[in-house]
Amino acid sequence: MRLVKCYGKKIILKELKKSYKFFINEANTNKRSLGYGLIRDKTILANDIASIASVGYGLGALIIGVEHNWINYKKAYDRVSRTLDTFINYVEGKNGFYYHFVNIQNGKREWNCEISIIDTAIFICGAITAGEYFGGIIKQKAEILYKRINWEWYRNKETNYFYMGYTPENGFWGHWDMYAEQLMLYVLGVSSPTFAINKNMYYNFKRKKKIIKTLKI
């Protein structure tokens, strides 16, 4: 049993290290680039396409890297700080929300994609986590980005649901109307110091229940 636990721990650590390396190796680290800190959505078929959600996970990965001594604190601090500068100054979006996919070199919209509430939330969760971990100027920059997000703009006032997407060409579409990955939106929205939502949004979406019958053998 001890051997199994030890082997399992090694596998998990190996997976953790390889996941960490993706966010480190697939990031734009050219300090002269307007897209510094942006991270590719995938390693193939999208060489210049970054995902803002990927950046959010990458900010969390840097914290994990520091804790495991895979990257030194100062280098991680600098990388996080410069990445947040990129979002403050260059990444394209509207009302504090960002386009789902942007060019890794300049932060401009790619693939005629949507301004994504869920991917913005994943990014800002990473930024806030980094701000709490590193403190100082990084926390200040994370707060600047958080305060910009106008959660009310993304709310359908008729249904009291968040929309799922928005494009300048077609406006808003879809709804987060059931229990899914969007739970972070309500925590971020209700806690916003600038554009807070009402907490009843969390209680308003559908919660479907289903009885799963187990097969007796």
N, C-alpha and C. Protein backbone atom coordinates (compact mmCIF):
# COMPACT_ATOMS: atom_id res chain seq x y z
N MET A 1 0.83 -1.20 0.00
CA MET A 1 0.00 0.00 0.00
C MET A 1 0.87 1.25 0.00
N ARG A 2 1.95 1.24 0.79
CA ARG A 2 2.84 2.38 0.84
C ARG A 2 3.50 2.62 -0.52
N LEU A 3 3.84 1.54 -1.21
CA LEU A 3 4.46 1.63 -2.53
C LEU A 3 3.49 2.25 -3.53
N VAL A 4 2.22 1.84 -3.45
CA VAL A 4 1.20 2.37 -4.34
C VAL A 4 1.03 3.87 -4.11
N LYS A 5 0.97 4.29 -2.85
CA LYS A 5 0.83 5.70 -2.52
C LYS A 5 2.02 6.51 -3.03
N CYS A 6 3.21 5.96 -2.84
CA CYS A 6 4.43 6.65 -3.28
C CYS A 6 4.44 6.80 -4.80
N TYR A 7 4.07 5.74 -5.51
CA TYR A 7 4.04 5.78 -6.97
C TYR A 7 2.99 6.77 -7.45
N GLY A 8 1.83 6.76 -6.79
CA GLY A 8 0.76 7.69 -7.15
C GLY A 8 1.19 9.14 -6.96
N LYS A 9 1.91 9.41 -5.89
CA LYS A 9 2.39 10.76 -5.61
C LYS A 9 3.37 11.21 -6.69
N LYS A 10 4.22 10.30 -7.14
CA LYS A 10 5.19 10.63 -8.19
C LYS A 10 4.49 10.95 -9.51
N ILE A 11 3.44 10.19 -9.82
CA ILE A 11 2.68 10.42 -11.05
C ILE A 11 2.02 11.79 -11.02
N ILE A 12 1.42 12.13 -9.88
CA ILE A 12 0.74 13.42 -9.74
C ILE A 12 1.75 14.56 -9.85
N LEU A 13 2.89 14.40 -9.22
CA LEU A 13 3.93 15.43 -9.29
C LEU A 13 4.46 15.60 -10.71
N LYS A 14 4.60 14.48 -11.41
CA LYS A 14 5.06 14.52 -12.81
C LYS A 14 4.05 15.26 -13.67
N GLU A 15 2.77 14.98 -13.47
CA GLU A 15 1.71 15.66 -14.21
C GLU A 15 1.70 17.15 -13.90
N LEU A 16 1.90 17.48 -12.62
CA LEU A 16 1.94 18.87 -12.19
C LEU A 16 3.09 19.62 -12.86
N LYS A 17 4.24 19.01 -12.89
CA LYS A 17 5.43 19.64 -13.47
C LYS A 17 5.25 19.84 -14.98
N LYS A 18 4.71 18.85 -15.67
CA LYS A 18 4.51 18.97 -17.11
C LYS A 18 3.45 20.03 -17.43
N SER A 19 2.40 20.11 -16.62
CA SER A 19 1.39 21.14 -16.81
C SER A 19 1.99 22.52 -16.59
N TYR A 20 2.80 22.64 -15.56
CA TYR A 20 3.50 23.90 -15.27
C TYR A 20 4.36 24.31 -16.45
N LYS A 21 5.07 23.37 -17.03
CA LYS A 21 5.97 23.68 -18.14
C LYS A 21 5.22 24.20 -19.37
N PHE A 22 3.99 23.71 -19.57
CA PHE A 22 3.21 24.24 -20.70
C PHE A 22 3.03 25.74 -20.56
N PHE A 23 2.59 26.18 -19.39
CA PHE A 23 2.32 27.60 -19.19
C PHE A 23 3.59 28.44 -19.19
N ILE A 24 4.71 27.83 -18.85
CA ILE A 24 5.99 28.53 -18.89
C ILE A 24 6.53 28.59 -20.32
N ASN A 25 6.52 27.47 -21.00
CA ASN A 25 7.15 27.38 -22.32
C ASN A 25 6.33 27.99 -23.45
N GLU A 26 5.01 28.03 -23.28
CA GLU A 26 4.15 28.53 -24.36
C GLU A 26 3.77 30.00 -24.18
N ALA A 27 4.46 30.69 -23.32
CA ALA A 27 4.18 32.11 -23.08
C ALA A 27 5.10 33.00 -23.92
N ASN A 28 4.61 34.17 -24.23
CA ASN A 28 5.41 35.19 -24.90
C ASN A 28 6.27 35.86 -23.83
N THR A 29 7.57 35.66 -23.89
CA THR A 29 8.47 36.24 -22.89
C THR A 29 9.40 37.28 -23.49
N ASN A 30 9.02 37.80 -24.65
CA ASN A 30 9.77 38.89 -25.27
C ASN A 30 9.41 40.20 -24.60
N LYS A 31 10.31 40.77 -23.83
CA LYS A 31 10.00 41.96 -23.05
C LYS A 31 9.75 43.20 -23.91
N ARG A 32 10.07 43.13 -25.18
CA ARG A 32 9.79 44.24 -26.08
C ARG A 32 8.43 44.11 -26.76
N SER A 33 7.78 42.98 -26.54
CA SER A 33 6.51 42.70 -27.21
C SER A 33 5.33 43.29 -26.44
N LEU A 34 4.34 43.77 -27.19
CA LEU A 34 3.11 44.27 -26.57
C LEU A 34 2.31 43.14 -25.95
N GLY A 35 2.61 41.91 -26.36
CA GLY A 35 1.87 40.75 -25.86
C GLY A 35 2.62 39.96 -24.81
N TYR A 36 3.56 40.59 -24.14
CA TYR A 36 4.34 39.87 -23.12
C TYR A 36 3.41 39.19 -22.11
N GLY A 37 3.70 37.92 -21.82
CA GLY A 37 2.95 37.18 -20.82
C GLY A 37 1.75 36.44 -21.36
N LEU A 38 1.33 36.75 -22.59
CA LEU A 38 0.21 36.01 -23.18
C LEU A 38 0.64 34.57 -23.45
N ILE A 39 -0.27 33.64 -23.29
CA ILE A 39 0.05 32.21 -23.38
C ILE A 39 -0.82 31.56 -24.46
N ARG A 40 -0.19 30.73 -25.26
CA ARG A 40 -0.90 30.06 -26.35
C ARG A 40 -2.08 29.23 -25.84
N ASP A 41 -3.11 29.18 -26.67
CA ASP A 41 -4.25 28.34 -26.36
C ASP A 41 -3.89 26.87 -26.52
N LYS A 42 -3.05 26.57 -27.49
CA LYS A 42 -2.58 25.20 -27.75
C LYS A 42 -1.25 25.28 -28.47
N THR A 43 -0.56 24.17 -28.54
CA THR A 43 0.78 24.17 -29.12
C THR A 43 0.79 23.91 -30.61
N ILE A 44 -0.33 23.45 -31.17
CA ILE A 44 -0.40 23.19 -32.61
C ILE A 44 -1.61 23.88 -33.20
N LEU A 45 -1.52 24.22 -34.46
CA LEU A 45 -2.60 24.81 -35.25
C LEU A 45 -2.97 26.22 -34.80
N ALA A 46 -2.26 26.77 -33.84
CA ALA A 46 -2.60 28.11 -33.35
C ALA A 46 -1.35 28.80 -32.79
N ASN A 47 -0.32 28.90 -33.61
CA ASN A 47 0.97 29.36 -33.11
C ASN A 47 0.93 30.76 -32.52
N ASP A 48 0.15 31.66 -33.12
CA ASP A 48 0.10 33.04 -32.64
C ASP A 48 -1.18 33.36 -31.88
N ILE A 49 -1.95 32.34 -31.52
CA ILE A 49 -3.21 32.56 -30.82
C ILE A 49 -3.07 32.29 -29.33
N ALA A 50 -3.31 33.32 -28.55
CA ALA A 50 -3.29 33.17 -27.10
C ALA A 50 -4.72 33.12 -26.57
N SER A 51 -4.89 32.47 -25.44
CA SER A 51 -6.18 32.42 -24.75
C SER A 51 -6.05 33.16 -23.43
N ILE A 52 -6.99 34.05 -23.14
CA ILE A 52 -6.90 34.78 -21.88
C ILE A 52 -7.10 33.85 -20.69
N ALA A 53 -7.88 32.79 -20.87
CA ALA A 53 -8.04 31.80 -19.79
C ALA A 53 -6.71 31.12 -19.52
N SER A 54 -5.97 30.82 -20.58
CA SER A 54 -4.66 30.19 -20.43
C SER A 54 -3.73 31.06 -19.60
N VAL A 55 -3.84 32.38 -19.78
CA VAL A 55 -3.02 33.30 -18.98
C VAL A 55 -3.41 33.23 -17.50
N GLY A 56 -4.71 33.14 -17.24
CA GLY A 56 -5.16 33.03 -15.85
C GLY A 56 -4.59 31.80 -15.17
N TYR A 57 -4.64 30.66 -15.87
CA TYR A 57 -4.05 29.44 -15.32
C TYR A 57 -2.54 29.59 -15.19
N GLY A 58 -1.94 30.29 -16.13
CA GLY A 58 -0.50 30.48 -16.10
C GLY A 58 -0.04 31.30 -14.91
N LEU A 59 -0.84 32.28 -14.51
CA LEU A 59 -0.49 33.07 -13.32
C LEU A 59 -0.51 32.18 -12.08
N GLY A 60 -1.49 31.28 -12.01
CA GLY A 60 -1.52 30.32 -10.91
C GLY A 60 -0.35 29.36 -10.97
N ALA A 61 0.05 28.99 -12.19
CA ALA A 61 1.17 28.06 -12.36
C ALA A 61 2.47 28.66 -11.84
N LEU A 62 2.65 29.97 -12.00
CA LEU A 62 3.86 30.61 -11.50
C LEU A 62 3.95 30.53 -9.97
N ILE A 63 2.81 30.64 -9.31
CA ILE A 63 2.79 30.49 -7.85
C ILE A 63 3.20 29.08 -7.47
N ILE A 64 2.64 28.09 -8.16
CA ILE A 64 3.00 26.70 -7.92
C ILE A 64 4.49 26.48 -8.18
N GLY A 65 5.00 27.12 -9.23
CA GLY A 65 6.42 27.01 -9.54
C GLY A 65 7.31 27.54 -8.44
N VAL A 66 6.93 28.66 -7.86
CA VAL A 66 7.70 29.22 -6.74
C VAL A 66 7.69 28.27 -5.55
N GLU A 67 6.51 27.74 -5.23
CA GLU A 67 6.36 26.86 -4.09
C GLU A 67 7.15 25.56 -4.24
N HIS A 68 7.35 25.12 -5.49
CA HIS A 68 8.11 23.89 -5.74
C HIS A 68 9.55 24.16 -6.13
N ASN A 69 9.96 25.43 -6.05
CA ASN A 69 11.34 25.82 -6.40
C ASN A 69 11.68 25.52 -7.86
N TRP A 70 10.68 25.60 -8.74
CA TRP A 70 10.91 25.43 -10.17
C TRP A 70 11.26 26.76 -10.82
N ILE A 71 10.95 27.86 -10.15
CA ILE A 71 11.28 29.19 -10.61
C ILE A 71 11.50 30.05 -9.38
N ASN A 72 12.48 30.96 -9.44
CA ASN A 72 12.74 31.76 -8.24
C ASN A 72 11.70 32.88 -8.10
N TYR A 73 11.51 33.32 -6.89
CA TYR A 73 10.45 34.28 -6.56
C TYR A 73 10.56 35.56 -7.37
N LYS A 74 11.76 36.11 -7.48
CA LYS A 74 11.95 37.38 -8.18
C LYS A 74 11.57 37.27 -9.66
N LYS A 75 11.98 36.17 -10.29
CA LYS A 75 11.67 35.98 -11.71
C LYS A 75 10.17 35.82 -11.92
N ALA A 76 9.52 35.07 -11.04
CA ALA A 76 8.07 34.88 -11.15
C ALA A 76 7.34 36.20 -10.90
N TYR A 77 7.79 36.95 -9.91
CA TYR A 77 7.20 38.25 -9.59
C TYR A 77 7.25 39.17 -10.80
N ASP A 78 8.42 39.24 -11.42
CA ASP A 78 8.59 40.11 -12.58
C ASP A 78 7.71 39.67 -13.73
N ARG A 79 7.60 38.36 -13.93
CA ARG A 79 6.80 37.83 -15.03
C ARG A 79 5.31 38.14 -14.83
N VAL A 80 4.85 37.96 -13.61
CA VAL A 80 3.45 38.27 -13.30
C VAL A 80 3.18 39.76 -13.49
N SER A 81 4.07 40.59 -12.96
CA SER A 81 3.88 42.04 -13.02
C SER A 81 3.81 42.53 -14.47
N ARG A 82 4.70 42.06 -15.30
CA ARG A 82 4.72 42.46 -16.71
C ARG A 82 3.48 41.94 -17.45
N THR A 83 3.03 40.74 -17.08
CA THR A 83 1.82 40.19 -17.71
C THR A 83 0.60 41.04 -17.40
N LEU A 84 0.48 41.47 -16.16
CA LEU A 84 -0.65 42.32 -15.79
C LEU A 84 -0.57 43.68 -16.50
N ASP A 85 0.65 44.18 -16.71
CA ASP A 85 0.82 45.41 -17.48
C ASP A 85 0.27 45.25 -18.90
N THR A 86 0.50 44.07 -19.46
CA THR A 86 0.00 43.79 -20.81
C THR A 86 -1.53 43.91 -20.85
N PHE A 87 -2.19 43.39 -19.83
CA PHE A 87 -3.65 43.46 -19.80
C PHE A 87 -4.14 44.87 -19.49
N ILE A 88 -3.43 45.58 -18.67
CA ILE A 88 -3.81 46.95 -18.34
C ILE A 88 -3.71 47.85 -19.58
N ASN A 89 -2.71 47.60 -20.41
CA ASN A 89 -2.40 48.53 -21.50
C ASN A 89 -2.76 48.08 -22.91
N TYR A 90 -2.75 46.76 -23.16
CA TYR A 90 -2.80 46.35 -24.57
C TYR A 90 -3.87 45.32 -24.95
N VAL A 91 -4.27 44.43 -24.08
CA VAL A 91 -5.19 43.36 -24.48
C VAL A 91 -6.56 43.95 -24.80
N GLU A 92 -7.10 43.55 -25.95
CA GLU A 92 -8.32 44.14 -26.46
C GLU A 92 -9.57 43.58 -25.78
N GLY A 93 -10.53 44.45 -25.51
CA GLY A 93 -11.77 44.02 -24.89
C GLY A 93 -12.74 45.18 -24.76
N LYS A 94 -13.68 45.04 -23.82
CA LYS A 94 -14.68 46.08 -23.61
C LYS A 94 -15.23 45.98 -22.20
N ASN A 95 -15.38 47.11 -21.54
CA ASN A 95 -15.95 47.18 -20.18
C ASN A 95 -15.25 46.24 -19.20
N GLY A 96 -13.95 46.07 -19.37
CA GLY A 96 -13.17 45.24 -18.46
C GLY A 96 -13.12 43.78 -18.85
N PHE A 97 -13.93 43.36 -19.82
CA PHE A 97 -13.92 41.99 -20.32
C PHE A 97 -13.00 41.91 -21.54
N TYR A 98 -12.47 40.72 -21.78
CA TYR A 98 -11.52 40.55 -22.88
C TYR A 98 -12.01 39.56 -23.92
N TYR A 99 -11.46 39.71 -25.12
CA TYR A 99 -11.73 38.72 -26.16
C TYR A 99 -11.14 37.38 -25.76
N HIS A 100 -11.85 36.34 -26.08
CA HIS A 100 -11.45 34.96 -25.74
C HIS A 100 -10.07 34.63 -26.31
N PHE A 101 -9.89 34.92 -27.60
CA PHE A 101 -8.62 34.63 -28.27
C PHE A 101 -8.00 35.92 -28.79
N VAL A 102 -6.72 36.11 -28.49
CA VAL A 102 -6.02 37.31 -28.94
C VAL A 102 -4.68 36.93 -29.53
N ASN A 103 -4.13 37.83 -30.33
CA ASN A 103 -2.83 37.59 -30.93
C ASN A 103 -1.75 37.64 -29.86
N ILE A 104 -0.91 36.65 -29.83
CA ILE A 104 0.09 36.53 -28.77
C ILE A 104 1.16 37.63 -28.84
N GLN A 105 1.24 38.30 -29.99
CA GLN A 105 2.24 39.34 -30.16
C GLN A 105 1.75 40.73 -29.77
N ASN A 106 0.43 40.95 -29.85
CA ASN A 106 -0.05 42.32 -29.60
C ASN A 106 -1.34 42.42 -28.79
N GLY A 107 -1.97 41.29 -28.45
CA GLY A 107 -3.18 41.32 -27.63
C GLY A 107 -4.45 41.69 -28.36
N LYS A 108 -4.39 41.73 -29.71
CA LYS A 108 -5.57 42.09 -30.50
C LYS A 108 -6.44 40.86 -30.78
N ARG A 109 -7.72 41.10 -30.98
CA ARG A 109 -8.71 40.06 -31.24
C ARG A 109 -8.32 39.17 -32.42
N GLU A 110 -8.59 37.86 -32.27
CA GLU A 110 -8.35 36.89 -33.33
C GLU A 110 -9.62 36.07 -33.58
N TRP A 111 -9.73 35.52 -34.80
CA TRP A 111 -10.79 34.57 -35.19
C TRP A 111 -12.20 35.15 -35.05
N ASN A 112 -12.33 36.48 -35.04
CA ASN A 112 -13.65 37.09 -34.85
C ASN A 112 -14.37 36.52 -33.63
N CYS A 113 -13.60 36.25 -32.60
CA CYS A 113 -14.13 35.59 -31.40
C CYS A 113 -14.95 36.55 -30.54
N GLU A 114 -15.56 36.00 -29.52
CA GLU A 114 -16.43 36.75 -28.62
C GLU A 114 -15.65 37.39 -27.48
N ILE A 115 -16.22 38.44 -26.92
CA ILE A 115 -15.74 38.94 -25.63
C ILE A 115 -16.32 38.00 -24.60
N SER A 116 -15.46 37.29 -23.89
CA SER A 116 -15.89 36.15 -23.07
C SER A 116 -15.93 36.47 -21.58
N ILE A 117 -17.10 36.31 -20.98
CA ILE A 117 -17.22 36.54 -19.54
C ILE A 117 -16.54 35.44 -18.74
N ILE A 118 -16.67 34.17 -19.19
CA ILE A 118 -16.10 33.07 -18.41
C ILE A 118 -14.59 33.05 -18.50
N ASP A 119 -14.05 33.35 -19.69
CA ASP A 119 -12.59 33.36 -19.84
C ASP A 119 -11.98 34.57 -19.15
N THR A 120 -12.69 35.69 -19.16
CA THR A 120 -12.24 36.85 -18.39
C THR A 120 -12.20 36.50 -16.91
N ALA A 121 -13.22 35.77 -16.45
CA ALA A 121 -13.28 35.38 -15.03
C ALA A 121 -12.12 34.47 -14.66
N ILE A 122 -11.79 33.53 -15.53
CA ILE A 122 -10.66 32.63 -15.26
C ILE A 122 -9.36 33.44 -15.18
N PHE A 123 -9.22 34.40 -16.10
CA PHE A 123 -8.03 35.25 -16.05
C PHE A 123 -7.97 36.05 -14.76
N ILE A 124 -9.08 36.70 -14.41
CA ILE A 124 -9.06 37.59 -13.24
C ILE A 124 -8.89 36.79 -11.95
N CYS A 125 -9.37 35.56 -11.91
CA CYS A 125 -9.12 34.70 -10.74
C CYS A 125 -7.62 34.47 -10.58
N GLY A 126 -6.95 34.22 -11.70
CA GLY A 126 -5.50 34.04 -11.65
C GLY A 126 -4.79 35.31 -11.21
N ALA A 127 -5.27 36.46 -11.72
CA ALA A 127 -4.66 37.73 -11.36
C ALA A 127 -4.85 38.05 -9.87
N ILE A 128 -6.06 37.83 -9.36
CA ILE A 128 -6.33 38.10 -7.95
C ILE A 128 -5.52 37.16 -7.06
N THR A 129 -5.44 35.89 -7.45
CA THR A 129 -4.64 34.92 -6.68
C THR A 129 -3.19 35.35 -6.63
N ALA A 130 -2.66 35.79 -7.77
CA ALA A 130 -1.28 36.26 -7.82
C ALA A 130 -1.11 37.51 -6.96
N GLY A 131 -2.12 38.38 -6.98
CA GLY A 131 -2.05 39.58 -6.17
C GLY A 131 -2.00 39.27 -4.68
N GLU A 132 -2.77 38.28 -4.25
CA GLU A 132 -2.76 37.88 -2.84
C GLU A 132 -1.44 37.20 -2.47
N TYR A 133 -0.87 36.48 -3.41
CA TYR A 133 0.37 35.75 -3.13
C TYR A 133 1.58 36.67 -3.10
N PHE A 134 1.71 37.52 -4.11
CA PHE A 134 2.90 38.37 -4.21
C PHE A 134 2.73 39.71 -3.52
N GLY A 135 1.50 40.19 -3.43
CA GLY A 135 1.26 41.46 -2.77
C GLY A 135 1.81 42.65 -3.53
N GLY A 136 1.96 43.78 -2.84
CA GLY A 136 2.60 44.95 -3.40
C GLY A 136 1.96 45.45 -4.69
N ILE A 137 2.82 45.82 -5.64
CA ILE A 137 2.36 46.40 -6.90
C ILE A 137 1.52 45.41 -7.70
N ILE A 138 1.81 44.11 -7.55
CA ILE A 138 1.03 43.10 -8.28
C ILE A 138 -0.41 43.09 -7.79
N LYS A 139 -0.60 43.19 -6.50
CA LYS A 139 -1.96 43.25 -5.96
C LYS A 139 -2.67 44.50 -6.45
N GLN A 140 -1.96 45.61 -6.52
CA GLN A 140 -2.55 46.85 -7.01
C GLN A 140 -2.98 46.73 -8.46
N LYS A 141 -2.15 46.09 -9.28
CA LYS A 141 -2.47 45.92 -10.70
C LYS A 141 -3.66 44.98 -10.88
N ALA A 142 -3.71 43.91 -10.08
CA ALA A 142 -4.84 42.98 -10.15
C ALA A 142 -6.14 43.70 -9.77
N GLU A 143 -6.07 44.58 -8.79
CA GLU A 143 -7.25 45.33 -8.37
C GLU A 143 -7.70 46.31 -9.44
N ILE A 144 -6.75 46.90 -10.16
CA ILE A 144 -7.10 47.80 -11.27
C ILE A 144 -7.92 47.04 -12.31
N LEU A 145 -7.45 45.85 -12.66
CA LEU A 145 -8.14 45.02 -13.66
C LEU A 145 -9.50 44.56 -13.17
N TYR A 146 -9.57 44.16 -11.92
CA TYR A 146 -10.83 43.68 -11.34
C TYR A 146 -11.87 44.79 -11.31
N LYS A 147 -11.45 45.99 -10.93
CA LYS A 147 -12.37 47.12 -10.81
C LYS A 147 -12.91 47.57 -12.17
N ARG A 148 -12.21 47.25 -13.23
CA ARG A 148 -12.66 47.65 -14.57
C ARG A 148 -13.85 46.84 -15.06
N ILE A 149 -14.03 45.64 -14.52
CA ILE A 149 -15.03 44.72 -15.06
C ILE A 149 -16.45 45.15 -14.68
N ASN A 150 -17.23 45.48 -15.70
CA ASN A 150 -18.61 45.91 -15.47
C ASN A 150 -19.53 44.70 -15.59
N TRP A 151 -19.71 44.00 -14.47
CA TRP A 151 -20.52 42.78 -14.45
C TRP A 151 -21.96 43.06 -14.85
N GLU A 152 -22.48 44.23 -14.50
CA GLU A 152 -23.86 44.58 -14.83
C GLU A 152 -24.07 44.65 -16.34
N TRP A 153 -23.05 45.09 -17.07
CA TRP A 153 -23.16 45.19 -18.53
C TRP A 153 -23.43 43.82 -19.14
N TYR A 154 -22.90 42.78 -18.54
CA TYR A 154 -23.02 41.43 -19.08
C TYR A 154 -24.25 40.68 -18.56
N ARG A 155 -25.07 41.36 -17.78
CA ARG A 155 -26.26 40.72 -17.21
C ARG A 155 -27.48 41.02 -18.06
N ASN A 156 -28.27 39.99 -18.35
CA ASN A 156 -29.55 40.17 -19.02
C ASN A 156 -30.56 40.60 -17.95
N LYS A 157 -31.01 41.82 -18.03
CA LYS A 157 -31.88 42.37 -16.99
C LYS A 157 -33.27 41.74 -16.99
N GLU A 158 -33.67 41.14 -18.11
CA GLU A 158 -34.99 40.51 -18.18
C GLU A 158 -35.00 39.14 -17.50
N THR A 159 -33.93 38.38 -17.68
CA THR A 159 -33.86 37.03 -17.13
C THR A 159 -33.05 36.95 -15.83
N ASN A 160 -32.24 37.98 -15.59
CA ASN A 160 -31.32 38.01 -14.46
C ASN A 160 -30.27 36.89 -14.57
N TYR A 161 -29.92 36.52 -15.79
CA TYR A 161 -28.83 35.59 -16.06
C TYR A 161 -27.68 36.38 -16.69
N PHE A 162 -26.47 35.86 -16.54
CA PHE A 162 -25.37 36.38 -17.33
C PHE A 162 -25.51 35.85 -18.76
N TYR A 163 -25.20 36.68 -19.72
CA TYR A 163 -25.09 36.19 -21.09
C TYR A 163 -23.86 35.30 -21.19
N MET A 164 -23.79 34.49 -22.25
CA MET A 164 -22.63 33.62 -22.45
C MET A 164 -21.57 34.27 -23.32
N GLY A 165 -21.98 35.13 -24.24
CA GLY A 165 -21.00 35.74 -25.12
C GLY A 165 -21.47 37.06 -25.70
N TYR A 166 -20.52 37.82 -26.24
CA TYR A 166 -20.83 39.09 -26.88
C TYR A 166 -19.85 39.35 -28.00
N THR A 167 -20.37 39.78 -29.15
CA THR A 167 -19.52 40.26 -30.23
C THR A 167 -20.04 41.61 -30.69
N PRO A 168 -19.16 42.49 -31.14
CA PRO A 168 -19.61 43.79 -31.64
C PRO A 168 -20.55 43.66 -32.83
N GLU A 169 -20.36 42.59 -33.59
CA GLU A 169 -21.16 42.38 -34.79
C GLU A 169 -22.59 41.94 -34.49
N ASN A 170 -22.77 41.12 -33.45
CA ASN A 170 -24.08 40.51 -33.20
C ASN A 170 -24.65 40.77 -31.80
N GLY A 171 -23.92 41.47 -30.97
CA GLY A 171 -24.40 41.74 -29.62
C GLY A 171 -24.28 40.52 -28.71
N PHE A 172 -25.14 40.46 -27.68
CA PHE A 172 -25.09 39.38 -26.71
C PHE A 172 -25.83 38.14 -27.23
N TRP A 173 -25.42 36.98 -26.73
CA TRP A 173 -26.10 35.73 -27.08
C TRP A 173 -25.96 34.73 -25.93
N GLY A 174 -26.90 33.81 -25.86
CA GLY A 174 -26.86 32.72 -24.88
C GLY A 174 -27.03 33.19 -23.45
N HIS A 175 -27.16 32.22 -22.54
CA HIS A 175 -27.30 32.54 -21.11
C HIS A 175 -26.62 31.47 -20.26
N TRP A 176 -26.06 31.89 -19.15
CA TRP A 176 -25.63 30.93 -18.12
C TRP A 176 -26.86 30.70 -17.25
N ASP A 177 -27.67 29.73 -17.64
CA ASP A 177 -28.97 29.57 -17.00
C ASP A 177 -29.10 28.28 -16.18
N MET A 178 -27.96 27.59 -15.98
CA MET A 178 -28.02 26.38 -15.17
C MET A 178 -26.68 26.17 -14.45
N TYR A 179 -26.65 25.19 -13.61
CA TYR A 179 -25.45 24.87 -12.82
C TYR A 179 -24.36 24.38 -13.75
N ALA A 180 -23.25 25.12 -13.83
CA ALA A 180 -22.15 24.75 -14.72
C ALA A 180 -20.87 25.39 -14.23
N GLU A 181 -19.95 25.66 -15.14
CA GLU A 181 -18.63 26.16 -14.77
C GLU A 181 -18.61 27.62 -14.35
N GLN A 182 -19.76 28.30 -14.42
CA GLN A 182 -19.77 29.74 -14.24
C GLN A 182 -19.85 30.20 -12.79
N LEU A 183 -19.78 29.32 -11.82
CA LEU A 183 -20.02 29.70 -10.43
C LEU A 183 -19.10 30.82 -9.95
N MET A 184 -17.89 30.86 -10.49
CA MET A 184 -16.95 31.92 -10.09
C MET A 184 -17.49 33.31 -10.44
N LEU A 185 -18.36 33.39 -11.45
CA LEU A 185 -18.88 34.69 -11.88
C LEU A 185 -19.66 35.38 -10.77
N TYR A 186 -20.41 34.62 -10.00
CA TYR A 186 -21.24 35.21 -8.96
C TYR A 186 -20.39 35.71 -7.78
N VAL A 187 -19.35 34.96 -7.46
CA VAL A 187 -18.45 35.39 -6.38
C VAL A 187 -17.73 36.67 -6.78
N LEU A 188 -17.20 36.69 -8.01
CA LEU A 188 -16.51 37.87 -8.50
C LEU A 188 -17.47 39.05 -8.65
N GLY A 189 -18.65 38.77 -9.18
CA GLY A 189 -19.61 39.85 -9.43
C GLY A 189 -20.14 40.49 -8.17
N VAL A 190 -20.52 39.68 -7.20
CA VAL A 190 -21.11 40.24 -5.98
C VAL A 190 -20.06 40.94 -5.12
N SER A 191 -18.78 40.58 -5.31
CA SER A 191 -17.70 41.18 -4.52
C SER A 191 -17.08 42.40 -5.17
N SER A 192 -17.51 42.71 -6.39
CA SER A 192 -16.92 43.83 -7.12
C SER A 192 -17.08 45.14 -6.37
N PRO A 193 -15.98 45.90 -6.21
CA PRO A 193 -16.08 47.19 -5.52
C PRO A 193 -16.63 48.30 -6.42
N THR A 194 -16.80 48.01 -7.71
CA THR A 194 -17.23 49.04 -8.65
C THR A 194 -18.55 48.73 -9.36
N PHE A 195 -18.76 47.47 -9.76
CA PHE A 195 -19.97 47.10 -10.52
C PHE A 195 -20.58 45.83 -9.95
N ALA A 196 -20.92 45.87 -8.69
CA ALA A 196 -21.42 44.67 -8.01
C ALA A 196 -22.80 44.25 -8.51
N ILE A 197 -23.00 42.94 -8.60
CA ILE A 197 -24.31 42.39 -8.94
C ILE A 197 -25.06 42.06 -7.65
N ASN A 198 -26.36 41.86 -7.77
CA ASN A 198 -27.14 41.43 -6.62
C ASN A 198 -26.92 39.94 -6.40
N LYS A 199 -26.84 39.52 -5.16
CA LYS A 199 -26.59 38.11 -4.86
C LYS A 199 -27.69 37.18 -5.34
N ASN A 200 -28.87 37.73 -5.65
CA ASN A 200 -29.97 36.86 -6.08
C ASN A 200 -29.70 36.22 -7.44
N MET A 201 -28.72 36.73 -8.19
CA MET A 201 -28.34 36.09 -9.46
C MET A 201 -27.91 34.65 -9.24
N TYR A 202 -27.23 34.41 -8.12
CA TYR A 202 -26.75 33.05 -7.82
C TYR A 202 -27.91 32.10 -7.58
N TYR A 203 -28.96 32.59 -6.98
CA TYR A 203 -30.10 31.74 -6.64
C TYR A 203 -31.12 31.63 -7.78
N ASN A 204 -30.90 32.40 -8.84
CA ASN A 204 -31.88 32.49 -9.91
C ASN A 204 -31.73 31.42 -10.99
N PHE A 205 -30.51 30.93 -11.22
CA PHE A 205 -30.35 29.99 -12.33
C PHE A 205 -30.89 28.60 -11.98
N LYS A 206 -31.18 27.81 -13.03
CA LYS A 206 -31.83 26.51 -12.86
C LYS A 206 -30.89 25.50 -12.22
N ARG A 207 -31.45 24.66 -11.40
CA ARG A 207 -30.68 23.59 -10.76
C ARG A 207 -31.43 22.28 -10.98
N LYS A 208 -31.18 21.68 -12.11
CA LYS A 208 -31.88 20.45 -12.46
C LYS A 208 -31.33 19.27 -11.66
N LYS A 209 -32.24 18.39 -11.29
CA LYS A 209 -31.85 17.20 -10.53
C LYS A 209 -32.23 15.96 -11.30
N LYS A 210 -31.42 14.93 -11.15
CA LYS A 210 -31.69 13.70 -11.84
C LYS A 210 -31.27 12.53 -10.96
N ILE A 211 -32.13 11.55 -10.86
CA ILE A 211 -31.82 10.35 -10.08
C ILE A 211 -31.10 9.36 -10.99
N ILE A 212 -29.91 8.98 -10.59
CA ILE A 212 -29.15 8.02 -11.38
C ILE A 212 -29.33 6.63 -10.78
N LYS A 213 -29.87 5.73 -11.56
CA LYS A 213 -30.09 4.37 -11.10
C LYS A 213 -28.83 3.55 -11.32
N THR A 214 -28.41 2.88 -10.29
CA THR A 214 -27.22 2.03 -10.40
C THR A 214 -27.62 0.63 -10.87
N LEU A 215 -26.77 0.06 -11.66
CA LEU A 215 -27.04 -1.27 -12.19
C LEU A 215 -26.55 -2.35 -11.22
N LYS A 216 -27.45 -3.19 -10.80
CA LYS A 216 -27.07 -4.25 -9.88
C LYS A 216 -26.49 -5.45 -10.65
N ILE A 217 -25.37 -5.89 -10.18
CA ILE A 217 -24.69 -7.03 -10.83
C ILE A 217 -24.81 -8.28 -9.95
